[in-house]
Amino acid sequence: MTAQHNVVVLEGFLDEETLPGPRDDTARFRIHLAADEDRVDEAVLPCVVANPALAAAVLNERKRGDLLRVAGHLRLPQTPAGAMWLEVHAIDVLHPTLLPDPDPDDEESTPFIERYASYVVIYDPDGLTHVWHETGDQIGSTDDPSEISDLIHAYEQRTASGDTGGTT
């Protein structure tokens, strides 16, 4: 059995900004994994990139909210207090983030992404709040975030009745 047989491939959203690793040629980030038929709960998995070219790309090109496919080897904690993490060997960008670059001086106006099971909500304080299903269907948009549950409920009713198209 080769090391290639133990490769783990995961898809998820870049959870936060990427950070330099302990060495100049490494990078660290966290990927947000949604619940699916294999995972009961959502998870946030720390990742480390040791390939200098890949680390530079992660640090300079990737943004919070990018949908990524990462491949690497899962590393288990060495101590009971340690953390599990993924040693990343390959990263594919499945979809770049829909969020604009944040204004570092104004935390109140910074858009952000929240995951609710199989739904992605993009909050934009200066515009509409958009709701997407993980299949890529746009569920809807609203200027009142308190209506998000109504949008999701209406979408689930439509899909239960066989109408799988989202609203625009």
Foldseek 3Di string as FASTA:
>chain_A
DDPVVQKDKAKFFFAAAKAADPDNQKIKTWGWHFADPVRNHIDIAIEMENHSVVRVCSNPPAHGGFIKIWMAHWDDAPDPPGGIHGYTDDIDGPGHHPFDDADPVDPPQGWDWDDDRQKIWIDGLVDWIWIAGVVGATLDIDNDVVCVVVSVVVQVVCVVVPNNHHDD
